[in-house]
Amino acid sequence: MAVLITGGAGYIGSHTCVELLQAEYDIIVLDNYKNSHPESLKRVSHITGRGFKVYQGDLMNEDIIEKVFSENKIEAVIHFAGLKAVGESVQIPLMYYECNISGTVKLCNVMRKYNVKNLVFSSSATVYGMPERIPISEDSALRAQSPYGRTKQMIEEILRDLYTSDENWSIALLRYFNPIGAHESGLIGEAPNGIPNNLMPYITQVAIGKLKELNIFGNDYPTKDGTGVRDYIHVVDLAKGHLKALEKVTRTTGVEAYNLGTGKGYSVLEIVEAFEKAANLKIPYKITERRKGDIAICYADPSKAERELGWTAEKDIEEMCRDSWRWQSRNPNGYILNREILTN
């Protein structure tokens, strides 16, 4: 069975490639490398001992999508490709709407032409916005508050409409919470361009000396230590969730949303403390003002994914921090100028 993975060179995409290859799937990757690096795919091959086809291209170019489908017998698609920074989306919303939504529509048009109707879509917990209750279940109201989150919410609606028009489609909408960690080999991990937007890569870059200190946005929330609480999930557990979703969409039809989280919340200071223990060093930080739109507590109810996909997160916060540090310490500049690690 051949699976197309759009955005497969990215952080979550590359880890999912590993899980699929180890499960004996054949994969084809399409990536434009805007938020990723081709070196990650070479390392995926190194980890798994398997090769696979890679196409460099953008979903905004329907010709490259057509080429991929015409040259391969694809049976399912896992769709990661898209712009992904919440803050940036506020600054350049039209680019996010054009890339994320139009790219998905072009992809689905070609899938329909080639009668490929099994799709796993990379959505986000940002579709919930300010949650009405905690823990967050899939039937919570959708009220995304950033252009990025709204693109995910809109794409979910488009895919539901697609199924309504043709009930042969089978679609899983995977709403991620906060992925951190890296592959235990230390060969692939999160390598953001520029200053990181997310907590863990910011911590690891402070630890490696690339950044001076961590900014913690607010310590006056109604939580145990005043800092915000989030649901952090190991990226390998997240990748395995895609494997389970793929198994489901290839044997059923319909559209279903699934939260992929641990169901546990950790505060920013708890993450800092766990990382310090894992890395055996101190992380300097300063408290700054709250960010507009941030909420006190956010974590998932993942029981639907356990019940319907047979998936649960297995790795704990210590493993998440240890694997994050192993990746960063071995790859201080991400994938740049670190190819020699494959021979060490």
C-alpha atoms as a PDB file:
ATOM      1  CA  MET A   1       0.000   0.000   0.000  1.00  0.00           C
ATOM      2  CA  ALA A   2       1.488   3.356  -1.072  1.00  0.00           C
ATOM      3  CA  VAL A   3       0.766   6.411   1.050  1.00  0.00           C
ATOM      4  CA  LEU A   4       1.439   9.992  -0.054  1.00  0.00           C
ATOM      5  CA  ILE A   5       2.708  12.200   2.756  1.00  0.00           C
ATOM      6  CA  THR A   6       2.496  15.921   2.017  1.00  0.00           C
ATOM      7  CA  GLY A   7       4.914  17.902   4.168  1.00  0.00           C
ATOM      8  CA  GLY A   8       6.694  14.673   5.025  1.00  0.00           C
ATOM      9  CA  ALA A   9      10.061  16.351   5.640  1.00  0.00           C
ATOM     10  CA  GLY A  10       8.690  18.424   8.514  1.00  0.00           C
ATOM     11  CA  TYR A  11       8.841  17.763  12.246  1.00  0.00           C
ATOM     12  CA  ILE A  12       5.740  15.604  12.624  1.00  0.00           C
ATOM     13  CA  GLY A  13       5.843  14.414   9.018  1.00  0.00           C
ATOM     14  CA  SER A  14       9.348  12.934   9.257  1.00  0.00           C
ATOM     15  CA  HIS A  15       8.508  11.024  12.438  1.00  0.00           C
ATOM     16  CA  THR A  16       5.358   9.706  10.778  1.00  0.00           C
ATOM     17  CA  CYS A  17       7.431   8.576   7.791  1.00  0.00           C
ATOM     18  CA  VAL A  18       9.540   6.500  10.178  1.00  0.00           C
ATOM     19  CA  GLU A  19       6.509   4.827  11.760  1.00  0.00           C
ATOM     20  CA  LEU A  20       4.927   4.039   8.380  1.00  0.00           C
ATOM     21  CA  LEU A  21       8.126   2.589   6.915  1.00  0.00           C
ATOM     22  CA  GLN A  22       8.693   0.457  10.002  1.00  0.00           C
ATOM     23  CA  ALA A  23       5.112  -0.800   9.639  1.00  0.00           C
ATOM     24  CA  GLU A  24       5.980  -1.917   6.070  1.00  0.00           C
ATOM     25  CA  TYR A  25       4.041   0.768   4.215  1.00  0.00           C
ATOM     26  CA  ASP A  26       5.458   2.232   1.022  1.00  0.00           C
ATOM     27  CA  ILE A  27       5.539   6.018   1.118  1.00  0.00           C
ATOM     28  CA  ILE A  28       5.902   8.925  -1.299  1.00  0.00           C
ATOM     29  CA  VAL A  29       6.813  12.344   0.109  1.00  0.00           C
ATOM     30  CA  LEU A  30       5.878  15.716  -1.385  1.00  0.00           C
ATOM     31  CA  ASP A  31       7.454  18.750   0.310  1.00  0.00           C
ATOM     32  CA  ASN A  32       8.517  22.262  -0.702  1.00  0.00           C
ATOM     33  CA  TYR A  33      11.031  22.528   2.197  1.00  0.00           C
ATOM     34  CA  LYS A  34       9.698  25.920   3.276  1.00  0.00           C
ATOM     35  CA  ASN A  35       9.438  24.779   6.915  1.00  0.00           C
ATOM     36  CA  SER A  36      11.672  21.723   6.667  1.00  0.00           C
ATOM     37  CA  HIS A  37      14.954  20.374   5.291  1.00  0.00           C
ATOM     38  CA  PRO A  38      15.638  17.530   2.820  1.00  0.00           C
ATOM     39  CA  GLU A  39      18.273  16.161   5.186  1.00  0.00           C
ATOM     40  CA  SER A  40      15.482  14.936   7.483  1.00  0.00           C
ATOM     41  CA  LEU A  41      14.337  12.485   4.799  1.00  0.00           C
ATOM     42  CA  LYS A  42      17.848  11.096   4.347  1.00  0.00           C
ATOM     43  CA  ARG A  43      17.882  10.432   8.062  1.00  0.00           C
ATOM     44  CA  VAL A  44      14.468   8.771   7.889  1.00  0.00           C
ATOM     45  CA  SER A  45      15.989   6.337   5.373  1.00  0.00           C
ATOM     46  CA  HIS A  46      18.982   5.835   7.652  1.00  0.00           C
ATOM     47  CA  ILE A  47      16.775   5.045  10.659  1.00  0.00           C
ATOM     48  CA  THR A  48      14.513   2.627   8.791  1.00  0.00           C
ATOM     49  CA  GLY A  49      16.921   1.156   6.252  1.00  0.00           C
ATOM     50  CA  ARG A  50      14.359   1.845   3.536  1.00  0.00           C
ATOM     51  CA  GLY A  51      14.230   4.133   0.537  1.00  0.00           C
ATOM     52  CA  PHE A  52      11.235   5.979  -0.875  1.00  0.00           C
ATOM     53  CA  LYS A  53      10.320   8.474  -3.573  1.00  0.00           C
ATOM     54  CA  VAL A  54      10.553  12.188  -2.802  1.00  0.00           C
ATOM     55  CA  TYR A  55       9.124  15.029  -4.875  1.00  0.00           C
ATOM     56  CA  GLN A  56      10.020  18.648  -4.240  1.00  0.00           C
ATOM     57  CA  GLY A  57       7.007  20.818  -4.939  1.00  0.00           C
ATOM     58  CA  ASP A  58       4.209  22.967  -3.602  1.00  0.00           C
ATOM     59  CA  LEU A  59       0.522  22.129  -3.304  1.00  0.00           C
ATOM     60  CA  MET A  60      -0.270  25.468  -4.910  1.00  0.00           C
ATOM     61  CA  ASN A  61       1.097  23.921  -8.117  1.00  0.00           C
ATOM     62  CA  GLU A  62      -1.539  21.428  -9.192  1.00  0.00           C
ATOM     63  CA  ASP A  63       0.773  20.123 -11.920  1.00  0.00           C
ATOM     64  CA  ILE A  64       3.214  18.662  -9.376  1.00  0.00           C
ATOM     65  CA  ILE A  65       0.348  16.987  -7.507  1.00  0.00           C
ATOM     66  CA  GLU A  66      -0.863  15.535 -10.816  1.00  0.00           C
ATOM     67  CA  LYS A  67       2.662  14.271 -11.550  1.00  0.00           C
ATOM     68  CA  VAL A  68       2.888  12.505  -8.192  1.00  0.00           C
ATOM     69  CA  PHE A  69      -0.447  10.736  -8.659  1.00  0.00           C
ATOM     70  CA  SER A  70       0.151   9.837 -12.304  1.00  0.00           C
ATOM     71  CA  GLU A  71       3.525   8.240 -11.532  1.00  0.00           C
ATOM     72  CA  ASN A  72       2.477   6.266  -8.439  1.00  0.00           C
ATOM     73  CA  LYS A  73      -0.355   3.991  -7.348  1.00  0.00           C
ATOM     74  CA  ILE A  74      -1.422   5.899  -4.252  1.00  0.00           C
ATOM     75  CA  GLU A  75      -4.117   4.493  -1.975  1.00  0.00           C
ATOM     76  CA  ALA A  76      -4.181   7.050   0.847  1.00  0.00           C
ATOM     77  CA  VAL A  77      -2.868  10.501   1.765  1.00  0.00           C
ATOM     78  CA  ILE A  78      -1.599  11.922   5.043  1.00  0.00           C
ATOM     79  CA  HIS A  79      -1.765  15.695   4.649  1.00  0.00           C
ATOM     80  CA  PHE A  80       0.669  17.729   6.782  1.00  0.00           C
ATOM     81  CA  ALA A  81       1.682  20.444   4.300  1.00  0.00           C
ATOM     82  CA  GLY A  82       0.838  24.023   5.219  1.00  0.00           C
ATOM     83  CA  LEU A  83       1.953  27.168   6.983  1.00  0.00           C
ATOM     84  CA  LYS A  84       1.834  26.727  10.738  1.00  0.00           C
ATOM     85  CA  ALA A  85       2.839  29.745  12.873  1.00  0.00           C
ATOM     86  CA  VAL A  86      -0.010  31.359  14.801  1.00  0.00           C
ATOM     87  CA  GLY A  87       1.736  34.711  15.241  1.00  0.00           C
ATOM     88  CA  GLU A  88       2.823  34.915  11.621  1.00  0.00           C
ATOM     89  CA  SER A  89      -0.706  34.108  10.487  1.00  0.00           C
ATOM     90  CA  VAL A  90      -1.943  37.262  12.244  1.00  0.00           C
ATOM     91  CA  GLN A  91       0.602  39.320  10.303  1.00  0.00           C
ATOM     92  CA  ILE A  92       0.045  37.753   6.870  1.00  0.00           C
ATOM     93  CA  PRO A  93      -3.420  36.159   6.988  1.00  0.00           C
ATOM     94  CA  LEU A  94      -4.008  36.113   3.226  1.00  0.00           C
ATOM     95  CA  MET A  95      -0.938  33.956   2.667  1.00  0.00           C
ATOM     96  CA  TYR A  96      -2.220  31.461   5.255  1.00  0.00           C
ATOM     97  CA  TYR A  97      -5.702  31.322   3.736  1.00  0.00           C
ATOM     98  CA  GLU A  98      -4.301  30.950   0.233  1.00  0.00           C
ATOM     99  CA  CYS A  99      -1.673  28.340   1.050  1.00  0.00           C
ATOM    100  CA  ASN A 100      -3.479  26.169   3.581  1.00  0.00           C
ATOM    101  CA  ILE A 101      -6.986  26.229   2.132  1.00  0.00           C
ATOM    102  CA  SER A 102      -6.280  26.468  -1.597  1.00  0.00           C
ATOM    103  CA  GLY A 103      -3.495  23.901  -1.338  1.00  0.00           C
ATOM    104  CA  THR A 104      -5.844  21.431   0.331  1.00  0.00           C
ATOM    105  CA  VAL A 105      -8.564  22.005  -2.274  1.00  0.00           C
ATOM    106  CA  LYS A 106      -6.069  21.391  -5.097  1.00  0.00           C
ATOM    107  CA  LEU A 107      -4.883  18.222  -3.395  1.00  0.00           C
ATOM    108  CA  CYS A 108      -8.437  16.921  -2.966  1.00  0.00           C
ATOM    109  CA  ASN A 109      -9.268  17.719  -6.586  1.00  0.00           C
ATOM    110  CA  VAL A 110      -6.413  15.510  -7.781  1.00  0.00           C
ATOM    111  CA  MET A 111      -7.258  12.801  -5.233  1.00  0.00           C
ATOM    112  CA  ARG A 112     -10.815  12.733  -6.553  1.00  0.00           C
ATOM    113  CA  LYS A 113      -9.587  12.521 -10.159  1.00  0.00           C
ATOM    114  CA  TYR A 114      -7.496   9.452  -9.311  1.00  0.00           C
ATOM    115  CA  ASN A 115     -10.213   7.960  -7.078  1.00  0.00           C
ATOM    116  CA  VAL A 116      -8.075   8.172  -3.932  1.00  0.00           C
ATOM    117  CA  LYS A 117     -10.508   8.918  -1.128  1.00  0.00           C
ATOM    118  CA  ASN A 118      -8.669   7.930   2.066  1.00  0.00           C
ATOM    119  CA  LEU A 119      -7.293  10.985   3.857  1.00  0.00           C
ATOM    120  CA  VAL A 120      -5.709  11.721   7.243  1.00  0.00           C
ATOM    121  CA  PHE A 121      -5.645  15.472   7.821  1.00  0.00           C
ATOM    122  CA  SER A 122      -3.283  17.312  10.149  1.00  0.00           C
ATOM    123  CA  SER A 123      -5.586  19.615  12.087  1.00  0.00           C
ATOM    124  CA  SER A 124      -4.935  21.347  15.407  1.00  0.00           C
ATOM    125  CA  ALA A 125      -6.350  21.957  18.869  1.00  0.00           C
ATOM    126  CA  THR A 126      -6.338  25.643  17.909  1.00  0.00           C
ATOM    127  CA  VAL A 127      -9.726  24.991  16.267  1.00  0.00           C
ATOM    128  CA  TYR A 128     -11.239  25.070  19.780  1.00  0.00           C
ATOM    129  CA  GLY A 129     -10.060  28.614  20.542  1.00  0.00           C
ATOM    130  CA  MET A 130     -11.000  29.507  24.105  1.00  0.00           C
ATOM    131  CA  PRO A 131     -12.336  26.129  25.254  1.00  0.00           C
ATOM    132  CA  GLU A 132     -15.749  26.012  26.876  1.00  0.00           C
ATOM    133  CA  ARG A 133     -14.657  23.237  29.207  1.00  0.00           C
ATOM    134  CA  ILE A 134     -11.564  21.277  30.273  1.00  0.00           C
ATOM    135  CA  PRO A 135     -10.637  18.612  29.308  1.00  0.00           C
ATOM    136  CA  ILE A 136     -11.517  19.354  25.688  1.00  0.00           C
ATOM    137  CA  SER A 137     -13.526  16.718  23.843  1.00  0.00           C
ATOM    138  CA  GLU A 138     -14.194  16.537  20.118  1.00  0.00           C
ATOM    139  CA  ASP A 139     -17.762  17.774  20.508  1.00  0.00           C
ATOM    140  CA  SER A 140     -16.591  21.074  22.029  1.00  0.00           C
ATOM    141  CA  ALA A 141     -17.467  24.210  20.080  1.00  0.00           C
ATOM    142  CA  LEU A 142     -15.068  25.196  17.290  1.00  0.00           C
ATOM    143  CA  ARG A 143     -14.129  28.857  17.528  1.00  0.00           C
ATOM    144  CA  ALA A 144     -10.560  29.320  16.320  1.00  0.00           C
ATOM    145  CA  GLN A 145      -9.092  32.715  17.177  1.00  0.00           C
ATOM    146  CA  SER A 146      -6.161  33.079  14.754  1.00  0.00           C
ATOM    147  CA  PRO A 147      -5.990  32.933  10.962  1.00  0.00           C
ATOM    148  CA  TYR A 148      -3.914  29.763  11.304  1.00  0.00           C
ATOM    149  CA  GLY A 149      -6.533  28.108  13.505  1.00  0.00           C
ATOM    150  CA  ARG A 150      -9.326  29.293  11.235  1.00  0.00           C
ATOM    151  CA  THR A 151      -7.639  27.703   8.198  1.00  0.00           C
ATOM    152  CA  LYS A 152      -7.669  24.387  10.045  1.00  0.00           C
ATOM    153  CA  GLN A 153     -11.302  24.855  11.064  1.00  0.00           C
ATOM    154  CA  MET A 154     -12.317  25.828   7.519  1.00  0.00           C
ATOM    155  CA  ILE A 155     -10.485  22.859   6.010  1.00  0.00           C
ATOM    156  CA  GLU A 156     -12.299  20.547   8.424  1.00  0.00           C
ATOM    157  CA  GLU A 157     -15.606  21.977   7.157  1.00  0.00           C
ATOM    158  CA  ILE A 158     -14.511  21.600   3.526  1.00  0.00           C
ATOM    159  CA  LEU A 159     -13.640  17.957   4.126  1.00  0.00           C
ATOM    160  CA  ARG A 160     -16.991  17.333   5.813  1.00  0.00           C
ATOM    161  CA  ASP A 161     -18.726  18.871   2.797  1.00  0.00           C
ATOM    162  CA  LEU A 162     -16.631  16.669   0.523  1.00  0.00           C
ATOM    163  CA  TYR A 163     -17.836  13.552   2.313  1.00  0.00           C
ATOM    164  CA  THR A 164     -21.438  14.783   2.176  1.00  0.00           C
ATOM    165  CA  SER A 165     -21.089  15.090  -1.598  1.00  0.00           C
ATOM    166  CA  ASP A 166     -19.536  11.625  -1.947  1.00  0.00           C
ATOM    167  CA  GLU A 167     -19.851   9.101   0.876  1.00  0.00           C
ATOM    168  CA  ASN A 168     -17.001   6.992  -0.489  1.00  0.00           C
ATOM    169  CA  TRP A 169     -14.551   9.349   1.191  1.00  0.00           C
ATOM    170  CA  SER A 170     -12.950   8.302   4.465  1.00  0.00           C
ATOM    171  CA  ILE A 171     -11.350  11.137   6.417  1.00  0.00           C
ATOM    172  CA  ALA A 172      -9.729  11.436   9.845  1.00  0.00           C
ATOM    173  CA  LEU A 173      -9.258  14.938  11.285  1.00  0.00           C
ATOM    174  CA  LEU A 174      -6.446  14.774  13.830  1.00  0.00           C
ATOM    175  CA  ARG A 175      -6.445  17.648  16.304  1.00  0.00           C
ATOM    176  CA  TYR A 176      -2.963  17.866  17.814  1.00  0.00           C
ATOM    177  CA  PHE A 177      -2.224  19.383  21.160  1.00  0.00           C
ATOM    178  CA  ASN A 178       1.446  20.308  21.881  1.00  0.00           C
ATOM    179  CA  PRO A 179       3.974  17.967  20.250  1.00  0.00           C
ATOM    180  CA  ILE A 180       7.494  17.931  21.706  1.00  0.00           C
ATOM    181  CA  GLY A 181      10.326  15.402  21.870  1.00  0.00           C
ATOM    182  CA  ALA A 182      12.263  13.730  19.074  1.00  0.00           C
ATOM    183  CA  HIS A 183      13.136  10.302  17.739  1.00  0.00           C
ATOM    184  CA  GLU A 184      15.167   8.328  20.258  1.00  0.00           C
ATOM    185  CA  SER A 185      18.026   8.024  17.750  1.00  0.00           C
ATOM    186  CA  GLY A 186      18.656  11.762  17.968  1.00  0.00           C
ATOM    187  CA  LEU A 187      18.709  11.887  14.166  1.00  0.00           C
ATOM    188  CA  ILE A 188      15.421  13.703  13.540  1.00  0.00           C
ATOM    189  CA  GLY A 189      13.647  16.337  15.615  1.00  0.00           C
ATOM    190  CA  GLU A 190      12.186  19.823  15.627  1.00  0.00           C
ATOM    191  CA  ALA A 191      14.317  22.326  13.704  1.00  0.00           C
ATOM    192  CA  PRO A 192      12.432  25.636  13.461  1.00  0.00           C
ATOM    193  CA  ASN A 193      13.609  28.407  11.182  1.00  0.00           C
ATOM    194  CA  GLY A 194      14.677  31.488  13.153  1.00  0.00           C
ATOM    195  CA  ILE A 195      13.547  32.085  16.734  1.00  0.00           C
ATOM    196  CA  PRO A 196      11.254  29.234  17.820  1.00  0.00           C
ATOM    197  CA  ASN A 197       7.545  29.851  18.311  1.00  0.00           C
ATOM    198  CA  ASN A 198       7.058  26.839  20.577  1.00  0.00           C
ATOM    199  CA  LEU A 199       8.183  26.256  24.159  1.00  0.00           C
ATOM    200  CA  MET A 200      10.409  23.180  23.896  1.00  0.00           C
ATOM    201  CA  PRO A 201      12.666  24.256  21.011  1.00  0.00           C
ATOM    202  CA  TYR A 202      13.048  27.619  22.761  1.00  0.00           C
ATOM    203  CA  ILE A 203      14.147  25.826  25.933  1.00  0.00           C
ATOM    204  CA  THR A 204      16.586  23.586  24.030  1.00  0.00           C
ATOM    205  CA  GLN A 205      18.099  26.545  22.199  1.00  0.00           C
ATOM    206  CA  VAL A 206      18.634  28.318  25.525  1.00  0.00           C
ATOM    207  CA  ALA A 207      20.227  25.111  26.809  1.00  0.00           C
ATOM    208  CA  ILE A 208      22.592  24.892  23.830  1.00  0.00           C
ATOM    209  CA  GLY A 209      23.539  28.560  24.180  1.00  0.00           C
ATOM    210  CA  LYS A 210      21.882  29.892  21.029  1.00  0.00           C
ATOM    211  CA  LEU A 211      19.400  31.970  23.019  1.00  0.00           C
ATOM    212  CA  LYS A 212      20.100  33.900  26.234  1.00  0.00           C
ATOM    213  CA  GLU A 213      17.044  33.026  28.308  1.00  0.00           C
ATOM    214  CA  LEU A 214      13.488  31.754  28.162  1.00  0.00           C
ATOM    215  CA  ASN A 215      10.619  34.218  28.261  1.00  0.00           C
ATOM    216  CA  ILE A 216       7.668  32.942  30.306  1.00  0.00           C
ATOM    217  CA  PHE A 217       4.528  34.849  29.408  1.00  0.00           C
ATOM    218  CA  GLY A 218       2.688  35.422  32.667  1.00  0.00           C
ATOM    219  CA  ASN A 219       2.882  33.816  36.103  1.00  0.00           C
ATOM    220  CA  ASP A 220      -0.459  34.988  37.460  1.00  0.00           C
ATOM    221  CA  TYR A 221      -2.768  32.407  35.910  1.00  0.00           C
ATOM    222  CA  PRO A 222      -5.048  30.374  38.217  1.00  0.00           C
ATOM    223  CA  THR A 223      -2.740  27.334  38.076  1.00  0.00           C
ATOM    224  CA  LYS A 224      -0.542  25.609  40.632  1.00  0.00           C
ATOM    225  CA  ASP A 225       2.472  27.822  39.919  1.00  0.00           C
ATOM    226  CA  GLY A 226       0.834  30.674  38.005  1.00  0.00           C
ATOM    227  CA  THR A 227       2.136  29.637  34.566  1.00  0.00           C
ATOM    228  CA  GLY A 228       0.013  28.294  31.731  1.00  0.00           C
ATOM    229  CA  VAL A 229      -0.825  24.594  31.590  1.00  0.00           C
ATOM    230  CA  ARG A 230      -0.803  22.657  28.312  1.00  0.00           C
ATOM    231  CA  ASP A 231      -1.077  19.089  27.044  1.00  0.00           C
ATOM    232  CA  TYR A 232       2.362  18.059  25.765  1.00  0.00           C
ATOM    233  CA  ILE A 233       2.612  14.903  23.664  1.00  0.00           C
ATOM    234  CA  HIS A 234       5.702  13.079  22.423  1.00  0.00           C
ATOM    235  CA  VAL A 235       6.028  13.435  18.659  1.00  0.00           C
ATOM    236  CA  VAL A 236       6.566   9.675  18.272  1.00  0.00           C
ATOM    237  CA  ASP A 237       3.262   8.993  20.045  1.00  0.00           C
ATOM    238  CA  LEU A 238       1.684  11.555  17.731  1.00  0.00           C
ATOM    239  CA  ALA A 239       3.182   9.839  14.680  1.00  0.00           C
ATOM    240  CA  LYS A 240       1.800   6.502  15.842  1.00  0.00           C
ATOM    241  CA  GLY A 241      -1.618   8.152  16.045  1.00  0.00           C
ATOM    242  CA  HIS A 242      -1.394   8.796  12.299  1.00  0.00           C
ATOM    243  CA  LEU A 243      -0.673   5.134  11.704  1.00  0.00           C
ATOM    244  CA  LYS A 244      -3.790   4.175  13.661  1.00  0.00           C
ATOM    245  CA  ALA A 245      -5.875   6.787  11.816  1.00  0.00           C
ATOM    246  CA  LEU A 246      -4.581   5.474   8.484  1.00  0.00           C
ATOM    247  CA  GLU A 247      -5.652   1.958   9.421  1.00  0.00           C
ATOM    248  CA  LYS A 248      -9.132   3.249  10.192  1.00  0.00           C
ATOM    249  CA  VAL A 249      -9.661   5.331   7.045  1.00  0.00           C
ATOM    250  CA  THR A 250      -8.617   2.429   4.826  1.00  0.00           C
ATOM    251  CA  ARG A 251     -11.272   0.128   6.249  1.00  0.00           C
ATOM    252  CA  THR A 252     -14.237   2.477   6.793  1.00  0.00           C
ATOM    253  CA  THR A 253     -15.888   5.558   5.301  1.00  0.00           C
ATOM    254  CA  GLY A 254     -17.005   8.804   6.946  1.00  0.00           C
ATOM    255  CA  VAL A 255     -15.438  11.831   8.636  1.00  0.00           C
ATOM    256  CA  GLU A 256     -14.327  11.770  12.260  1.00  0.00           C
ATOM    257  CA  ALA A 257     -12.269  14.142  14.407  1.00  0.00           C
ATOM    258  CA  TYR A 258      -9.839  12.871  17.031  1.00  0.00           C
ATOM    259  CA  ASN A 259      -7.892  14.655  19.751  1.00  0.00           C
ATOM    260  CA  LEU A 260      -4.294  13.505  19.959  1.00  0.00           C
ATOM    261  CA  GLY A 261      -3.037  14.429  23.406  1.00  0.00           C
ATOM    262  CA  THR A 262      -2.119  12.777  26.685  1.00  0.00           C
ATOM    263  CA  GLY A 263      -5.066  14.055  28.711  1.00  0.00           C
ATOM    264  CA  LYS A 264      -2.606  15.546  31.223  1.00  0.00           C
ATOM    265  CA  GLY A 265      -1.596  19.155  31.718  1.00  0.00           C
ATOM    266  CA  TYR A 266       1.868  20.452  32.604  1.00  0.00           C
ATOM    267  CA  SER A 267       2.722  24.036  33.449  1.00  0.00           C
ATOM    268  CA  VAL A 268       5.545  25.938  31.775  1.00  0.00           C
ATOM    269  CA  LEU A 269       7.591  25.800  34.977  1.00  0.00           C
ATOM    270  CA  GLU A 270       6.992  22.052  35.287  1.00  0.00           C
ATOM    271  CA  ILE A 271       8.335  21.600  31.752  1.00  0.00           C
ATOM    272  CA  VAL A 272      11.380  23.729  32.593  1.00  0.00           C
ATOM    273  CA  GLU A 273      12.007  21.679  35.748  1.00  0.00           C
ATOM    274  CA  ALA A 274      11.636  18.367  33.896  1.00  0.00           C
ATOM    275  CA  PHE A 275      14.007  19.532  31.171  1.00  0.00           C
ATOM    276  CA  GLU A 276      16.591  20.716  33.699  1.00  0.00           C
ATOM    277  CA  LYS A 277      16.505  17.275  35.292  1.00  0.00           C
ATOM    278  CA  ALA A 278      16.797  15.481  31.934  1.00  0.00           C
ATOM    279  CA  ALA A 279      19.663  17.666  30.693  1.00  0.00           C
ATOM    280  CA  ASN A 280      21.330  18.202  34.086  1.00  0.00           C
ATOM    281  CA  LEU A 281      21.608  21.959  33.613  1.00  0.00           C
ATOM    282  CA  LYS A 282      19.771  25.142  34.548  1.00  0.00           C
ATOM    283  CA  ILE A 283      17.553  27.098  32.177  1.00  0.00           C
ATOM    284  CA  PRO A 284      17.632  30.858  32.839  1.00  0.00           C
ATOM    285  CA  TYR A 285      14.243  32.479  32.401  1.00  0.00           C
ATOM    286  CA  LYS A 286      12.376  35.705  33.030  1.00  0.00           C
ATOM    287  CA  ILE A 287       8.701  36.369  33.573  1.00  0.00           C
ATOM    288  CA  THR A 288       7.128  38.755  31.083  1.00  0.00           C
ATOM    289  CA  GLU A 289       3.584  39.948  30.441  1.00  0.00           C
ATOM    290  CA  ARG A 290       0.872  37.565  29.305  1.00  0.00           C
ATOM    291  CA  ARG A 291       0.385  37.185  25.579  1.00  0.00           C
ATOM    292  CA  LYS A 292      -2.943  38.318  24.213  1.00  0.00           C
ATOM    293  CA  GLY A 293      -5.258  35.370  23.709  1.00  0.00           C
ATOM    294  CA  ASP A 294      -3.363  32.908  25.894  1.00  0.00           C
ATOM    295  CA  ILE A 295      -5.499  30.849  28.256  1.00  0.00           C
ATOM    296  CA  ALA A 296      -4.696  29.378  31.650  1.00  0.00           C
ATOM    297  CA  ILE A 297      -5.325  25.669  31.105  1.00  0.00           C
ATOM    298  CA  CYS A 298      -5.742  23.532  28.010  1.00  0.00           C
ATOM    299  CA  TYR A 299      -5.578  19.752  27.773  1.00  0.00           C
ATOM    300  CA  ALA A 300      -7.316  17.029  25.821  1.00  0.00           C
ATOM    301  CA  ASP A 301      -9.859  14.364  26.462  1.00  0.00           C
ATOM    302  CA  PRO A 302      -8.237  11.688  24.231  1.00  0.00           C
ATOM    303  CA  SER A 303     -10.729   8.917  25.068  1.00  0.00           C
ATOM    304  CA  LYS A 304     -12.322   8.896  21.594  1.00  0.00           C
ATOM    305  CA  ALA A 305      -8.986   8.112  19.947  1.00  0.00           C
ATOM    306  CA  GLU A 306      -8.424   5.286  22.434  1.00  0.00           C
ATOM    307  CA  ARG A 307     -11.922   3.932  21.894  1.00  0.00           C
ATOM    308  CA  GLU A 308     -12.137   4.181  18.088  1.00  0.00           C
ATOM    309  CA  LEU A 309      -8.505   4.072  16.940  1.00  0.00           C
ATOM    310  CA  GLY A 310      -6.991   1.911  19.646  1.00  0.00           C
ATOM    311  CA  TRP A 311      -4.421   4.648  20.311  1.00  0.00           C
ATOM    312  CA  THR A 312      -3.079   6.111  23.535  1.00  0.00           C
ATOM    313  CA  ALA A 313      -0.011   8.222  24.258  1.00  0.00           C
ATOM    314  CA  GLU A 314       2.642   6.141  26.026  1.00  0.00           C
ATOM    315  CA  LYS A 315       5.672   8.358  26.610  1.00  0.00           C
ATOM    316  CA  ASP A 316       5.952  10.506  29.730  1.00  0.00           C
ATOM    317  CA  ILE A 317       7.277  14.021  30.227  1.00  0.00           C
ATOM    318  CA  GLU A 318      10.744  12.773  31.214  1.00  0.00           C
ATOM    319  CA  GLU A 319      11.094  10.943  27.889  1.00  0.00           C
ATOM    320  CA  MET A 320       9.836  13.995  26.012  1.00  0.00           C
ATOM    321  CA  CYS A 321      12.484  16.205  27.615  1.00  0.00           C
ATOM    322  CA  ARG A 322      15.299  13.662  27.351  1.00  0.00           C
ATOM    323  CA  ASP A 323      14.667  13.032  23.665  1.00  0.00           C
ATOM    324  CA  SER A 324      14.356  16.770  22.948  1.00  0.00           C
ATOM    325  CA  TRP A 325      17.742  17.374  24.551  1.00  0.00           C
ATOM    326  CA  ARG A 326      19.412  14.453  22.784  1.00  0.00           C
ATOM    327  CA  TRP A 327      18.266  15.843  19.422  1.00  0.00           C
ATOM    328  CA  GLN A 328      19.303  19.446  20.162  1.00  0.00           C
ATOM    329  CA  SER A 329      22.652  18.603  21.761  1.00  0.00           C
ATOM    330  CA  ARG A 330      23.636  16.405  18.816  1.00  0.00           C
ATOM    331  CA  ASN A 331      22.274  18.857  16.244  1.00  0.00           C
ATOM    332  CA  PRO A 332      22.950  22.364  17.580  1.00  0.00           C
ATOM    333  CA  ASN A 333      22.147  23.880  14.177  1.00  0.00           C
ATOM    334  CA  GLY A 334      19.304  21.554  13.298  1.00  0.00           C
ATOM    335  CA  TYR A 335      19.876  19.799   9.986  1.00  0.00           C
ATOM    336  CA  ILE A 336      22.421  22.327   8.768  1.00  0.00           C
ATOM    337  CA  LEU A 337      26.072  21.147   8.667  1.00  0.00           C
ATOM    338  CA  ASN A 338      25.327  18.038  10.715  1.00  0.00           C
ATOM    339  CA  ARG A 339      25.332  15.274   8.128  1.00  0.00           C
ATOM    340  CA  GLU A 340      28.379  13.706   9.749  1.00  0.00           C
ATOM    341  CA  ILE A 341      26.164  12.532  12.604  1.00  0.00           C
ATOM    342  CA  LEU A 342      25.041   9.648  10.386  1.00  0.00           C
ATOM    343  CA  THR A 343      28.537   8.181  10.467  1.00  0.00           C
ATOM    344  CA  ASN A 344      29.175   8.684  14.184  1.00  0.00           C
END
